[in-house]
C-alpha cells in the first residue's frame, strides 16, 4: 500500500471523517456554484430558486429561516413563491444576479422587500 493516498491528505477533513465527511465536503464545495441548483431542484423540488421565484429567504442553518418563511407567508394576502431552506451559497448568488440583471440596485431592492439585517 505504498502508493495509496490517505483521504485526509487530499481533502481538508478531520481524521476518521469517513463517508459522511466526504459527502459533506463535496456538497458544501459544490453548493457554491450555479450547476448545483439543477441538482437541488431535482432533489428538493419547490424550495429552490427558479424563474417563477418571487423572493428568497435563506441563511445559515438554525438562524430562524423557518420562522421568517412562515411569518412572511402568513402575512401575505396571496401565496408568494419563495425559495427557502437550501442553505447553499449558489441560491443567494443567483438571487443577487437576478436583481442585478433586472437593473435595480441590490440595496434598494432589499429595502423594498422588507428584508432586515440583524
PDB file of N, CA and C in Angstrom:
ATOM      1  N   UNK A   1       0.813  -1.196   0.000  1.00  0.00           N
ATOM      2  CA  UNK A   1       0.000   0.000   0.000  1.00  0.00           C
ATOM      3  C   UNK A   1       0.850   1.250   0.000  1.00  0.00           C
ATOM      4  N   UNK A   2       2.033   1.184  -0.559  1.00  0.00           N
ATOM      5  CA  UNK A   2       2.890   2.356  -0.552  1.00  0.00           C
ATOM      6  C   UNK A   2       2.365   3.443  -1.480  1.00  0.00           C
ATOM      7  N   UNK A   3       1.595   3.064  -2.513  1.00  0.00           N
ATOM      8  CA  UNK A   3       1.060   4.041  -3.458  1.00  0.00           C
ATOM      9  C   UNK A   3      -0.281   4.627  -3.038  1.00  0.00           C
ATOM     10  N   UNK A   4      -0.845   4.141  -1.952  1.00  0.00           N
ATOM     11  CA  UNK A   4      -2.159   4.630  -1.503  1.00  0.00           C
ATOM     12  C   UNK A   4      -2.025   6.029  -0.906  1.00  0.00           C
ATOM     13  N   UNK A   5      -3.007   6.856  -1.168  1.00  0.00           N
ATOM     14  CA  UNK A   5      -3.030   8.209  -0.632  1.00  0.00           C
ATOM     15  C   UNK A   5      -4.136   8.285   0.407  1.00  0.00           C
ATOM     16  N   UNK A   6      -3.804   8.799   1.571  1.00  0.00           N
ATOM     17  CA  UNK A   6      -4.823   8.951   2.620  1.00  0.00           C
ATOM     18  C   UNK A   6      -5.758  10.089   2.228  1.00  0.00           C
ATOM     19  N   UNK A   7      -7.055   9.880   2.403  1.00  0.00           N
ATOM     20  CA  UNK A   7      -8.060  10.862   2.039  1.00  0.00           C
ATOM     21  C   UNK A   7      -7.881  12.168   2.796  1.00  0.00           C
ATOM     22  N   UNK A   8      -7.427  12.081   4.034  1.00  0.00           N
ATOM     23  CA  UNK A   8      -7.248  13.293   4.829  1.00  0.00           C
ATOM     24  C   UNK A   8      -6.121  14.177   4.283  1.00  0.00           C
ATOM     25  N   UNK A   9      -5.262  13.624   3.448  1.00  0.00           N
ATOM     26  CA  UNK A   9      -4.204  14.437   2.836  1.00  0.00           C
ATOM     27  C   UNK A   9      -4.695  15.124   1.576  1.00  0.00           C
ATOM     28  N   UNK A  10      -5.715  14.572   0.917  1.00  0.00           N
ATOM     29  CA  UNK A  10      -6.261  15.141  -0.310  1.00  0.00           C
ATOM     30  C   UNK A  10      -7.328  16.172   0.015  1.00  0.00           C
ATOM     31  N   UNK A  11      -8.223  15.839   0.928  1.00  0.00           N
ATOM     32  CA  UNK A  11      -9.307  16.736   1.329  1.00  0.00           C
ATOM     33  C   UNK A  11      -9.040  17.242   2.743  1.00  0.00           C
ATOM     34  N   UNK A  12      -9.409  18.490   3.029  1.00  0.00           N
ATOM     35  CA  UNK A  12      -9.184  19.019   4.382  1.00  0.00           C
ATOM     36  C   UNK A  12     -10.227  18.495   5.374  1.00  0.00           C
ATOM     37  N   UNK A  13     -10.143  17.203   5.686  1.00  0.00           N
ATOM     38  CA  UNK A  13     -11.083  16.561   6.599  1.00  0.00           C
ATOM     39  C   UNK A  13     -10.358  16.187   7.884  1.00  0.00           C
ATOM     40  N   UNK A  14     -11.116  16.105   8.954  1.00  0.00           N
ATOM     41  CA  UNK A  14     -10.508  15.640  10.198  1.00  0.00           C
ATOM     42  C   UNK A  14     -10.287  14.129  10.112  1.00  0.00           C
ATOM     43  N   UNK A  15      -9.392  13.639  10.899  1.00  0.00           N
ATOM     44  CA  UNK A  15      -9.059  12.216  10.888  1.00  0.00           C
ATOM     45  C   UNK A  15     -10.292  11.381  11.208  1.00  0.00           C
ATOM     46  N   UNK A  16     -10.565  10.361  10.431  1.00  0.00           N
ATOM     47  CA  UNK A  16     -11.690   9.466  10.676  1.00  0.00           C
ATOM     48  C   UNK A  16     -13.036  10.032  10.254  1.00  0.00           C
ATOM     49  N   UNK A  17     -13.064  10.989   9.349  1.00  0.00           N
ATOM     50  CA  UNK A  17     -14.321  11.611   8.926  1.00  0.00           C
ATOM     51  C   UNK A  17     -15.223  10.623   8.199  1.00  0.00           C
ATOM     52  N   UNK A  18     -14.664   9.719   7.465  1.00  0.00           N
ATOM     53  CA  UNK A  18     -15.435   8.690   6.790  1.00  0.00           C
ATOM     54  C   UNK A  18     -16.241   9.203   5.614  1.00  0.00           C
ATOM     55  N   UNK A  19     -17.205   8.379   5.181  1.00  0.00           N
ATOM     56  CA  UNK A  19     -18.024   8.684   4.012  1.00  0.00           C
ATOM     57  C   UNK A  19     -18.875   9.925   4.240  1.00  0.00           C
ATOM     58  N   UNK A  20     -19.454  10.070   5.423  1.00  0.00           N
ATOM     59  CA  UNK A  20     -20.293  11.243   5.713  1.00  0.00           C
ATOM     60  C   UNK A  20     -19.495  12.536   5.615  1.00  0.00           C
ATOM     61  N   UNK A  21     -18.262  12.504   6.079  1.00  0.00           N
ATOM     62  CA  UNK A  21     -17.408  13.684   5.999  1.00  0.00           C
ATOM     63  C   UNK A  21     -17.079  14.056   4.564  1.00  0.00           C
ATOM     64  N   UNK A  22     -16.827  13.044   3.746  1.00  0.00           N
ATOM     65  CA  UNK A  22     -16.538  13.280   2.336  1.00  0.00           C
ATOM     66  C   UNK A  22     -17.776  13.827   1.641  1.00  0.00           C
ATOM     67  N   UNK A  23     -18.947  13.233   1.906  1.00  0.00           N
ATOM     68  CA  UNK A  23     -20.196  13.723   1.308  1.00  0.00           C
ATOM     69  C   UNK A  23     -20.444  15.182   1.693  1.00  0.00           C
ATOM     70  N   UNK A  24     -20.244  15.521   2.972  1.00  0.00           N
ATOM     71  CA  UNK A  24     -20.456  16.887   3.428  1.00  0.00           C
ATOM     72  C   UNK A  24     -19.497  17.841   2.718  1.00  0.00           C
ATOM     73  N   UNK A  25     -18.249  17.446   2.626  1.00  0.00           N
ATOM     74  CA  UNK A  25     -17.248  18.302   1.993  1.00  0.00           C
ATOM     75  C   UNK A  25     -17.599  18.545   0.525  1.00  0.00           C
ATOM     76  N   UNK A  26     -17.922  17.497  -0.208  1.00  0.00           N
ATOM     77  CA  UNK A  26     -18.230  17.624  -1.635  1.00  0.00           C
ATOM     78  C   UNK A  26     -19.481  18.472  -1.833  1.00  0.00           C
ATOM     79  N   UNK A  27     -20.534  18.241  -1.024  1.00  0.00           N
ATOM     80  CA  UNK A  27     -21.756  19.023  -1.164  1.00  0.00           C
ATOM     81  C   UNK A  27     -21.523  20.486  -0.829  1.00  0.00           C
ATOM     82  N   UNK A  28     -20.778  20.753   0.224  1.00  0.00           N
ATOM     83  CA  UNK A  28     -20.572  22.145   0.611  1.00  0.00           C
ATOM     84  C   UNK A  28     -19.726  22.890  -0.426  1.00  0.00           C
ATOM     85  N   UNK A  29     -18.772  22.215  -1.055  1.00  0.00           N
ATOM     86  CA  UNK A  29     -17.995  22.868  -2.110  1.00  0.00           C
ATOM     87  C   UNK A  29     -18.834  23.028  -3.380  1.00  0.00           C
ATOM     88  N   UNK A  30     -19.598  22.024  -3.747  1.00  0.00           N
ATOM     89  CA  UNK A  30     -20.421  22.089  -4.952  1.00  0.00           C
ATOM     90  C   UNK A  30     -21.530  23.130  -4.826  1.00  0.00           C
ATOM     91  N   UNK A  31     -22.042  23.336  -3.617  1.00  0.00           N
ATOM     92  CA  UNK A  31     -23.172  24.257  -3.424  1.00  0.00           C
ATOM     93  C   UNK A  31     -22.787  25.712  -3.632  1.00  0.00           C
ATOM     94  N   UNK A  32     -21.537  25.982  -3.874  1.00  0.00           N
ATOM     95  CA  UNK A  32     -21.090  27.344  -4.146  1.00  0.00           C
ATOM     96  C   UNK A  32     -21.278  27.721  -5.613  1.00  0.00           C
ATOM     97  N   UNK A  33     -21.599  26.763  -6.472  1.00  0.00           N
ATOM     98  CA  UNK A  33     -21.627  27.008  -7.904  1.00  0.00           C
ATOM     99  C   UNK A  33     -23.026  26.791  -8.488  1.00  0.00           C
ATOM    100  N   UNK A  34     -23.311  27.517  -9.553  1.00  0.00           N
ATOM    101  CA  UNK A  34     -24.630  27.519 -10.193  1.00  0.00           C
ATOM    102  C   UNK A  34     -25.147  26.132 -10.609  1.00  0.00           C
ATOM    103  N   UNK A  35     -24.325  25.238 -11.157  1.00  0.00           N
ATOM    104  CA  UNK A  35     -24.847  23.923 -11.551  1.00  0.00           C
ATOM    105  C   UNK A  35     -25.460  23.131 -10.392  1.00  0.00           C
ATOM    106  N   UNK A  36     -25.076  23.437  -9.165  1.00  0.00           N
ATOM    107  CA  UNK A  36     -25.656  22.750  -8.010  1.00  0.00           C
ATOM    108  C   UNK A  36     -27.165  22.984  -7.927  1.00  0.00           C
ATOM    109  N   UNK A  37     -27.642  24.121  -8.421  1.00  0.00           N
ATOM    110  CA  UNK A  37     -29.072  24.425  -8.342  1.00  0.00           C
ATOM    111  C   UNK A  37     -29.910  23.425  -9.138  1.00  0.00           C
ATOM    112  N   UNK A  38     -29.408  22.938 -10.261  1.00  0.00           N
ATOM    113  CA  UNK A  38     -30.143  21.933 -11.040  1.00  0.00           C
ATOM    114  C   UNK A  38     -30.307  20.656 -10.224  1.00  0.00           C
ATOM    115  N   UNK A  39     -29.238  20.235  -9.561  1.00  0.00           N
ATOM    116  CA  UNK A  39     -29.322  19.066  -8.685  1.00  0.00           C
ATOM    117  C   UNK A  39     -30.310  19.326  -7.551  1.00  0.00           C
ATOM    118  N   UNK A  40     -30.237  20.494  -6.942  1.00  0.00           N
ATOM    119  CA  UNK A  40     -31.113  20.824  -5.816  1.00  0.00           C
ATOM    120  C   UNK A  40     -32.578  20.895  -6.253  1.00  0.00           C
ATOM    121  N   UNK A  41     -32.856  21.413  -7.443  1.00  0.00           N
ATOM    122  CA  UNK A  41     -34.247  21.456  -7.940  1.00  0.00           C
ATOM    123  C   UNK A  41     -34.811  20.052  -8.078  1.00  0.00           C
ATOM    124  N   UNK A  42     -33.984  19.139  -8.523  1.00  0.00           N
ATOM    125  CA  UNK A  42     -34.421  17.748  -8.668  1.00  0.00           C
ATOM    126  C   UNK A  42     -34.668  17.108  -7.305  1.00  0.00           C
ATOM    127  N   UNK A  43     -33.796  17.390  -6.347  1.00  0.00           N
ATOM    128  CA  UNK A  43     -33.892  16.747  -5.037  1.00  0.00           C
ATOM    129  C   UNK A  43     -34.911  17.412  -4.117  1.00  0.00           C
ATOM    130  N   UNK A  44     -34.953  18.746  -4.094  1.00  0.00           N
ATOM    131  CA  UNK A  44     -35.777  19.455  -3.116  1.00  0.00           C
ATOM    132  C   UNK A  44     -37.038  20.080  -3.712  1.00  0.00           C
ATOM    133  N   UNK A  45     -37.250  19.958  -4.981  1.00  0.00           N
ATOM    134  CA  UNK A  45     -38.461  20.382  -5.676  1.00  0.00           C
ATOM    135  C   UNK A  45     -38.779  21.872  -5.520  1.00  0.00           C
ATOM    136  N   UNK A  46     -39.791  22.258  -4.754  1.00  0.00           N
ATOM    137  CA  UNK A  46     -40.325  23.615  -4.804  1.00  0.00           C
ATOM    138  C   UNK A  46     -39.622  24.688  -4.014  1.00  0.00           C
ATOM    139  N   UNK A  47     -38.581  24.385  -3.283  1.00  0.00           N
ATOM    140  CA  UNK A  47     -37.985  25.407  -2.426  1.00  0.00           C
ATOM    141  C   UNK A  47     -36.681  25.993  -2.967  1.00  0.00           C
ATOM    142  N   UNK A  48     -36.366  25.725  -4.229  1.00  0.00           N
ATOM    143  CA  UNK A  48     -35.122  26.208  -4.837  1.00  0.00           C
ATOM    144  C   UNK A  48     -35.454  27.317  -5.831  1.00  0.00           C
ATOM    145  N   UNK A  49     -34.582  28.315  -5.918  1.00  0.00           N
ATOM    146  CA  UNK A  49     -34.814  29.456  -6.799  1.00  0.00           C
ATOM    147  C   UNK A  49     -34.985  29.014  -8.246  1.00  0.00           C
ATOM    148  N   UNK A  50     -35.919  29.651  -8.926  1.00  0.00           N
ATOM    149  CA  UNK A  50     -36.193  29.367 -10.326  1.00  0.00           C
ATOM    150  C   UNK A  50     -36.800  30.602 -10.972  1.00  0.00           C
ATOM    151  N   UNK A  51     -37.233  30.500 -12.218  1.00  0.00           N
ATOM    152  CA  UNK A  51     -37.780  31.660 -12.925  1.00  0.00           C
ATOM    153  C   UNK A  51     -39.043  32.236 -12.275  1.00  0.00           C
ATOM    154  N   UNK A  52     -39.803  31.393 -11.612  1.00  0.00           N
ATOM    155  CA  UNK A  52     -41.059  31.851 -11.008  1.00  0.00           C
ATOM    156  C   UNK A  52     -40.911  32.312  -9.557  1.00  0.00           C
ATOM    157  N   UNK A  53     -39.706  32.280  -9.010  1.00  0.00           N
ATOM    158  CA  UNK A  53     -39.461  32.675  -7.625  1.00  0.00           C
ATOM    159  C   UNK A  53     -39.653  34.178  -7.463  1.00  0.00           C
ATOM    160  N   UNK A  54     -40.390  34.556  -6.411  1.00  0.00           N
ATOM    161  CA  UNK A  54     -40.625  35.966  -6.138  1.00  0.00           C
ATOM    162  C   UNK A  54     -39.725  36.509  -5.037  1.00  0.00           C
ATOM    163  N   UNK A  55     -39.279  35.648  -4.129  1.00  0.00           N
ATOM    164  CA  UNK A  55     -38.440  36.088  -3.021  1.00  0.00           C
ATOM    165  C   UNK A  55     -37.627  34.914  -2.493  1.00  0.00           C
ATOM    166  N   UNK A  56     -36.445  35.221  -1.956  1.00  0.00           N
ATOM    167  CA  UNK A  56     -35.581  34.204  -1.355  1.00  0.00           C
ATOM    168  C   UNK A  56     -35.409  34.524   0.122  1.00  0.00           C
ATOM    169  N   UNK A  57     -35.688  33.540   0.969  1.00  0.00           N
ATOM    170  CA  UNK A  57     -35.404  33.635   2.404  1.00  0.00           C
ATOM    171  C   UNK A  57     -34.486  32.469   2.717  1.00  0.00           C
ATOM    172  N   UNK A  58     -33.247  32.775   3.000  1.00  0.00           N
ATOM    173  CA  UNK A  58     -32.270  31.725   3.263  1.00  0.00           C
ATOM    174  C   UNK A  58     -31.170  32.287   4.139  1.00  0.00           C
ATOM    175  N   UNK A  59     -30.387  31.427   4.715  1.00  0.00           N
ATOM    176  CA  UNK A  59     -29.288  31.859   5.567  1.00  0.00           C
ATOM    177  C   UNK A  59     -28.588  30.652   6.140  1.00  0.00           C
ATOM    178  N   UNK A  60     -27.827  30.879   7.198  1.00  0.00           N
ATOM    179  CA  UNK A  60     -27.153  29.774   7.860  1.00  0.00           C
ATOM    180  C   UNK A  60     -28.187  28.867   8.519  1.00  0.00           C
ATOM    181  N   UNK A  61     -27.898  27.578   8.658  1.00  0.00           N
ATOM    182  CA  UNK A  61     -28.809  26.699   9.403  1.00  0.00           C
ATOM    183  C   UNK A  61     -29.011  27.222  10.829  1.00  0.00           C
ATOM    184  N   UNK A  62     -30.196  27.049  11.349  1.00  0.00           N
ATOM    185  CA  UNK A  62     -30.571  27.421  12.718  1.00  0.00           C
ATOM    186  C   UNK A  62     -30.539  28.937  12.948  1.00  0.00           C
ATOM    187  N   UNK A  63     -30.907  29.715  11.908  1.00  0.00           N
ATOM    188  CA  UNK A  63     -30.937  31.172  12.078  1.00  0.00           C
ATOM    189  C   UNK A  63     -32.351  31.720  11.875  1.00  0.00           C
ATOM    190  N   UNK A  64     -33.366  30.938  12.216  1.00  0.00           N
ATOM    191  CA  UNK A  64     -34.776  31.345  12.176  1.00  0.00           C
ATOM    192  C   UNK A  64     -35.328  31.487  10.762  1.00  0.00           C
ATOM    193  N   UNK A  65     -34.800  30.739   9.809  1.00  0.00           N
ATOM    194  CA  UNK A  65     -35.333  30.764   8.445  1.00  0.00           C
ATOM    195  C   UNK A  65     -36.766  30.250   8.403  1.00  0.00           C
ATOM    196  N   UNK A  66     -37.052  29.220   9.177  1.00  0.00           N
ATOM    197  CA  UNK A  66     -38.403  28.664   9.200  1.00  0.00           C
ATOM    198  C   UNK A  66     -39.387  29.690   9.752  1.00  0.00           C
ATOM    199  N   UNK A  67     -39.028  30.352  10.831  1.00  0.00           N
ATOM    200  CA  UNK A  67     -39.896  31.383  11.395  1.00  0.00           C
ATOM    201  C   UNK A  67     -40.121  32.499  10.378  1.00  0.00           C
ATOM    202  N   UNK A  68     -39.063  32.969   9.739  1.00  0.00           N
ATOM    203  CA  UNK A  68     -39.187  34.048   8.757  1.00  0.00           C
ATOM    204  C   UNK A  68     -40.060  33.631   7.575  1.00  0.00           C
ATOM    205  N   UNK A  69     -39.875  32.400   7.103  1.00  0.00           N
ATOM    206  CA  UNK A  69     -40.672  31.906   5.982  1.00  0.00           C
ATOM    207  C   UNK A  69     -42.145  31.822   6.346  1.00  0.00           C
ATOM    208  N   UNK A  70     -42.444  31.231   7.498  1.00  0.00           N
ATOM    209  CA  UNK A  70     -43.843  31.085   7.922  1.00  0.00           C
ATOM    210  C   UNK A  70     -44.482  32.445   8.216  1.00  0.00           C
ATOM    211  N   UNK A  71     -43.756  33.329   8.882  1.00  0.00           N
ATOM    212  CA  UNK A  71     -44.292  34.661   9.197  1.00  0.00           C
ATOM    213  C   UNK A  71     -44.550  35.450   7.915  1.00  0.00           C
ATOM    214  N   UNK A  72     -43.638  35.373   6.967  1.00  0.00           N
ATOM    215  CA  UNK A  72     -43.813  36.089   5.701  1.00  0.00           C
ATOM    216  C   UNK A  72     -45.018  35.559   4.940  1.00  0.00           C
ATOM    217  N   UNK A  73     -45.119  34.232   4.807  1.00  0.00           N
ATOM    218  CA  UNK A  73     -46.243  33.645   4.065  1.00  0.00           C
ATOM    219  C   UNK A  73     -47.577  33.952   4.745  1.00  0.00           C
ATOM    220  N   UNK A  74     -47.605  33.937   6.073  1.00  0.00           N
ATOM    221  CA  UNK A  74     -48.835  34.217   6.811  1.00  0.00           C
ATOM    222  C   UNK A  74     -49.283  35.660   6.616  1.00  0.00           C
ATOM    223  N   UNK A  75     -48.348  36.569   6.487  1.00  0.00           N
ATOM    224  CA  UNK A  75     -48.668  37.996   6.365  1.00  0.00           C
ATOM    225  C   UNK A  75     -49.090  38.405   4.953  1.00  0.00           C
ATOM    226  N   UNK A  76     -48.984  37.512   3.991  1.00  0.00           N
ATOM    227  CA  UNK A  76     -49.301  37.869   2.603  1.00  0.00           C
ATOM    228  C   UNK A  76     -50.763  37.602   2.274  1.00  0.00           C
ATOM    229  N   UNK A  77     -51.382  38.464   1.459  1.00  0.00           N
ATOM    230  CA  UNK A  77     -52.779  38.233   1.062  1.00  0.00           C
ATOM    231  C   UNK A  77     -52.935  37.082   0.060  1.00  0.00           C
ATOM    232  N   UNK A  78     -51.853  36.711  -0.615  1.00  0.00           N
ATOM    233  CA  UNK A  78     -51.863  35.600  -1.572  1.00  0.00           C
ATOM    234  C   UNK A  78     -50.582  34.801  -1.384  1.00  0.00           C
ATOM    235  N   UNK A  79     -50.568  33.557  -1.819  1.00  0.00           N
ATOM    236  CA  UNK A  79     -49.334  32.768  -1.714  1.00  0.00           C
ATOM    237  C   UNK A  79     -48.217  33.392  -2.563  1.00  0.00           C
ATOM    238  N   UNK A  80     -47.038  33.474  -2.007  1.00  0.00           N
ATOM    239  CA  UNK A  80     -45.870  34.018  -2.691  1.00  0.00           C
ATOM    240  C   UNK A  80     -44.896  32.869  -2.923  1.00  0.00           C
ATOM    241  N   UNK A  81     -44.365  32.774  -4.131  1.00  0.00           N
ATOM    242  CA  UNK A  81     -43.420  31.709  -4.473  1.00  0.00           C
ATOM    243  C   UNK A  81     -42.064  32.041  -3.853  1.00  0.00           C
ATOM    244  N   UNK A  82     -41.711  31.303  -2.797  1.00  0.00           N
ATOM    245  CA  UNK A  82     -40.468  31.517  -2.071  1.00  0.00           C
ATOM    246  C   UNK A  82     -39.453  30.431  -2.384  1.00  0.00           C
ATOM    247  N   UNK A  83     -38.192  30.820  -2.391  1.00  0.00           N
ATOM    248  CA  UNK A  83     -37.083  29.866  -2.376  1.00  0.00           C
ATOM    249  C   UNK A  83     -36.527  29.942  -0.962  1.00  0.00           C
ATOM    250  N   UNK A  84     -36.396  28.814  -0.298  1.00  0.00           N
ATOM    251  CA  UNK A  84     -36.008  28.841   1.108  1.00  0.00           C
ATOM    252  C   UNK A  84     -35.347  27.543   1.540  1.00  0.00           C
ATOM    253  N   UNK A  85     -34.583  27.618   2.621  1.00  0.00           N
ATOM    254  CA  UNK A  85     -34.002  26.473   3.324  1.00  0.00           C
ATOM    255  C   UNK A  85     -33.006  25.631   2.533  1.00  0.00           C
ATOM    256  N   UNK A  86     -32.430  26.150   1.478  1.00  0.00           N
ATOM    257  CA  UNK A  86     -31.418  25.371   0.769  1.00  0.00           C
ATOM    258  C   UNK A  86     -30.058  25.499   1.460  1.00  0.00           C
ATOM    259  N   UNK A  87     -29.815  26.626   2.084  1.00  0.00           N
ATOM    260  CA  UNK A  87     -28.551  26.885   2.792  1.00  0.00           C
ATOM    261  C   UNK A  87     -27.352  26.685   1.873  1.00  0.00           C
ATOM    262  N   UNK A  88     -27.475  27.132   0.637  1.00  0.00           N
ATOM    263  CA  UNK A  88     -26.397  26.996  -0.341  1.00  0.00           C
ATOM    264  C   UNK A  88     -26.042  28.371  -0.899  1.00  0.00           C
ATOM    265  N   UNK A  89     -24.767  28.704  -0.946  1.00  0.00           N
ATOM    266  CA  UNK A  89     -24.369  29.998  -1.493  1.00  0.00           C
ATOM    267  C   UNK A  89     -24.868  30.228  -2.919  1.00  0.00           C
ATOM    268  N   UNK A  90     -24.971  29.181  -3.725  1.00  0.00           N
ATOM    269  CA  UNK A  90     -25.405  29.334  -5.118  1.00  0.00           C
ATOM    270  C   UNK A  90     -26.794  29.955  -5.200  1.00  0.00           C
ATOM    271  N   UNK A  91     -27.681  29.620  -4.276  1.00  0.00           N
ATOM    272  CA  UNK A  91     -29.042  30.177  -4.303  1.00  0.00           C
ATOM    273  C   UNK A  91     -29.010  31.683  -4.036  1.00  0.00           C
ATOM    274  N   UNK A  92     -28.227  32.108  -3.079  1.00  0.00           N
ATOM    275  CA  UNK A  92     -28.133  33.538  -2.772  1.00  0.00           C
ATOM    276  C   UNK A  92     -27.433  34.300  -3.892  1.00  0.00           C
ATOM    277  N   UNK A  93     -26.409  33.698  -4.470  1.00  0.00           N
ATOM    278  CA  UNK A  93     -25.708  34.334  -5.592  1.00  0.00           C
ATOM    279  C   UNK A  93     -26.657  34.498  -6.771  1.00  0.00           C
ATOM    280  N   UNK A  94     -27.461  33.476  -7.037  1.00  0.00           N
ATOM    281  CA  UNK A  94     -28.432  33.541  -8.136  1.00  0.00           C
ATOM    282  C   UNK A  94     -29.483  34.622  -7.880  1.00  0.00           C
ATOM    283  N   UNK A  95     -29.920  34.755  -6.633  1.00  0.00           N
ATOM    284  CA  UNK A  95     -30.910  35.784  -6.297  1.00  0.00           C
ATOM    285  C   UNK A  95     -30.341  37.178  -6.536  1.00  0.00           C
ATOM    286  N   UNK A  96     -29.112  37.403  -6.129  1.00  0.00           N
ATOM    287  CA  UNK A  96     -28.474  38.708  -6.350  1.00  0.00           C
ATOM    288  C   UNK A  96     -28.245  38.936  -7.831  1.00  0.00           C
ATOM    289  N   UNK A  97     -27.860  37.903  -8.564  1.00  0.00           N
ATOM    290  CA  UNK A  97     -27.647  38.022 -10.013  1.00  0.00           C
ATOM    291  C   UNK A  97     -28.948  38.429 -10.705  1.00  0.00           C
ATOM    292  N   UNK A  98     -30.081  37.859 -10.281  1.00  0.00           N
ATOM    293  CA  UNK A  98     -31.369  38.210 -10.872  1.00  0.00           C
ATOM    294  C   UNK A  98     -31.721  39.669 -10.605  1.00  0.00           C
ATOM    295  N   UNK A  99     -31.416  40.160  -9.420  1.00  0.00           N
ATOM    296  CA  UNK A  99     -31.680  41.565  -9.095  1.00  0.00           C
ATOM    297  C   UNK A  99     -30.808  42.467  -9.957  1.00  0.00           C
ATOM    298  N   UNK A 100     -29.545  42.097 -10.114  1.00  0.00           N
ATOM    299  CA  UNK A 100     -28.630  42.902 -10.920  1.00  0.00           C
ATOM    300  C   UNK A 100     -29.061  42.915 -12.385  1.00  0.00           C
ATOM    301  N   UNK A 101     -29.538  41.790 -12.912  1.00  0.00           N
ATOM    302  CA  UNK A 101     -29.980  41.725 -14.301  1.00  0.00           C
ATOM    303  C   UNK A 101     -31.254  42.529 -14.530  1.00  0.00           C
ATOM    304  N   UNK A 102     -32.052  42.700 -13.483  1.00  0.00           N
ATOM    305  CA  UNK A 102     -33.278  43.491 -13.617  1.00  0.00           C
ATOM    306  C   UNK A 102     -32.971  44.984 -13.658  1.00  0.00           C
ATOM    307  N   UNK A 103     -31.730  45.352 -13.404  1.00  0.00           N
ATOM    308  CA  UNK A 103     -31.347  46.752 -13.471  1.00  0.00           C
ATOM    309  C   UNK A 103     -31.541  47.513 -12.172  1.00  0.00           C
ATOM    310  N   UNK A 104     -31.966  46.843 -11.127  1.00  0.00           N
ATOM    311  CA  UNK A 104     -32.165  47.503  -9.840  1.00  0.00           C
ATOM    312  C   UNK A 104     -30.892  47.414  -9.018  1.00  0.00           C
ATOM    313  N   UNK A 105     -30.721  48.365  -8.158  1.00  0.00           N
ATOM    314  CA  UNK A 105     -29.602  48.289  -7.222  1.00  0.00           C
ATOM    315  C   UNK A 105     -29.992  47.329  -6.108  1.00  0.00           C
ATOM    316  N   UNK A 106     -29.115  46.408  -5.708  1.00  0.00           N
ATOM    317  CA  UNK A 106     -29.473  45.441  -4.667  1.00  0.00           C
ATOM    318  C   UNK A 106     -29.947  46.089  -3.380  1.00  0.00           C
ATOM    319  N   UNK A 107     -29.319  47.184  -2.966  1.00  0.00           N
ATOM    320  CA  UNK A 107     -29.712  47.807  -1.700  1.00  0.00           C
ATOM    321  C   UNK A 107     -31.143  48.326  -1.756  1.00  0.00           C
ATOM    322  N   UNK A 108     -31.558  48.909  -2.882  1.00  0.00           N
ATOM    323  CA  UNK A 108     -32.931  49.403  -2.977  1.00  0.00           C
ATOM    324  C   UNK A 108     -33.921  48.248  -3.069  1.00  0.00           C
ATOM    325  N   UNK A 109     -33.537  47.166  -3.744  1.00  0.00           N
ATOM    326  CA  UNK A 109     -34.430  46.010  -3.858  1.00  0.00           C
ATOM    327  C   UNK A 109     -34.632  45.355  -2.506  1.00  0.00           C
ATOM    328  N   UNK A 110     -33.567  45.243  -1.730  1.00  0.00           N
ATOM    329  CA  UNK A 110     -33.668  44.639  -0.404  1.00  0.00           C
ATOM    330  C   UNK A 110     -34.546  45.498   0.478  1.00  0.00           C
ATOM    331  N   UNK A 111     -34.380  46.803   0.416  1.00  0.00           N
ATOM    332  CA  UNK A 111     -35.190  47.707   1.241  1.00  0.00           C
ATOM    333  C   UNK A 111     -36.668  47.615   0.857  1.00  0.00           C
ATOM    334  N   UNK A 112     -36.951  47.472  -0.434  1.00  0.00           N
ATOM    335  CA  UNK A 112     -38.350  47.398  -0.880  1.00  0.00           C
ATOM    336  C   UNK A 112     -39.038  46.120  -0.442  1.00  0.00           C
ATOM    337  N   UNK A 113     -38.296  45.027  -0.350  1.00  0.00           N
ATOM    338  CA  UNK A 113     -38.927  43.765   0.044  1.00  0.00           C
ATOM    339  C   UNK A 113     -39.065  43.624   1.547  1.00  0.00           C
ATOM    340  N   UNK A 114     -38.467  44.519   2.299  1.00  0.00           N
ATOM    341  CA  UNK A 114     -38.635  44.486   3.751  1.00  0.00           C
ATOM    342  C   UNK A 114     -37.730  43.506   4.463  1.00  0.00           C
ATOM    343  N   UNK A 115     -36.628  43.142   3.840  1.00  0.00           N
ATOM    344  CA  UNK A 115     -35.690  42.237   4.485  1.00  0.00           C
ATOM    345  C   UNK A 115     -34.864  43.026   5.488  1.00  0.00           C
ATOM    346  N   UNK A 116     -34.722  42.498   6.688  1.00  0.00           N
ATOM    347  CA  UNK A 116     -33.967  43.183   7.732  1.00  0.00           C
ATOM    348  C   UNK A 116     -32.637  42.504   7.955  1.00  0.00           C
ATOM    349  N   UNK A 117     -31.604  43.300   8.116  1.00  0.00           N
ATOM    350  CA  UNK A 117     -30.296  42.748   8.506  1.00  0.00           C
ATOM    351  C   UNK A 117     -30.152  42.951   9.993  1.00  0.00           C
ATOM    352  N   UNK A 118     -29.839  41.876  10.690  1.00  0.00           N
ATOM    353  CA  UNK A 118     -29.680  41.953  12.144  1.00  0.00           C
ATOM    354  C   UNK A 118     -28.226  41.843  12.499  1.00  0.00           C
TER     355      UNK A 118
END
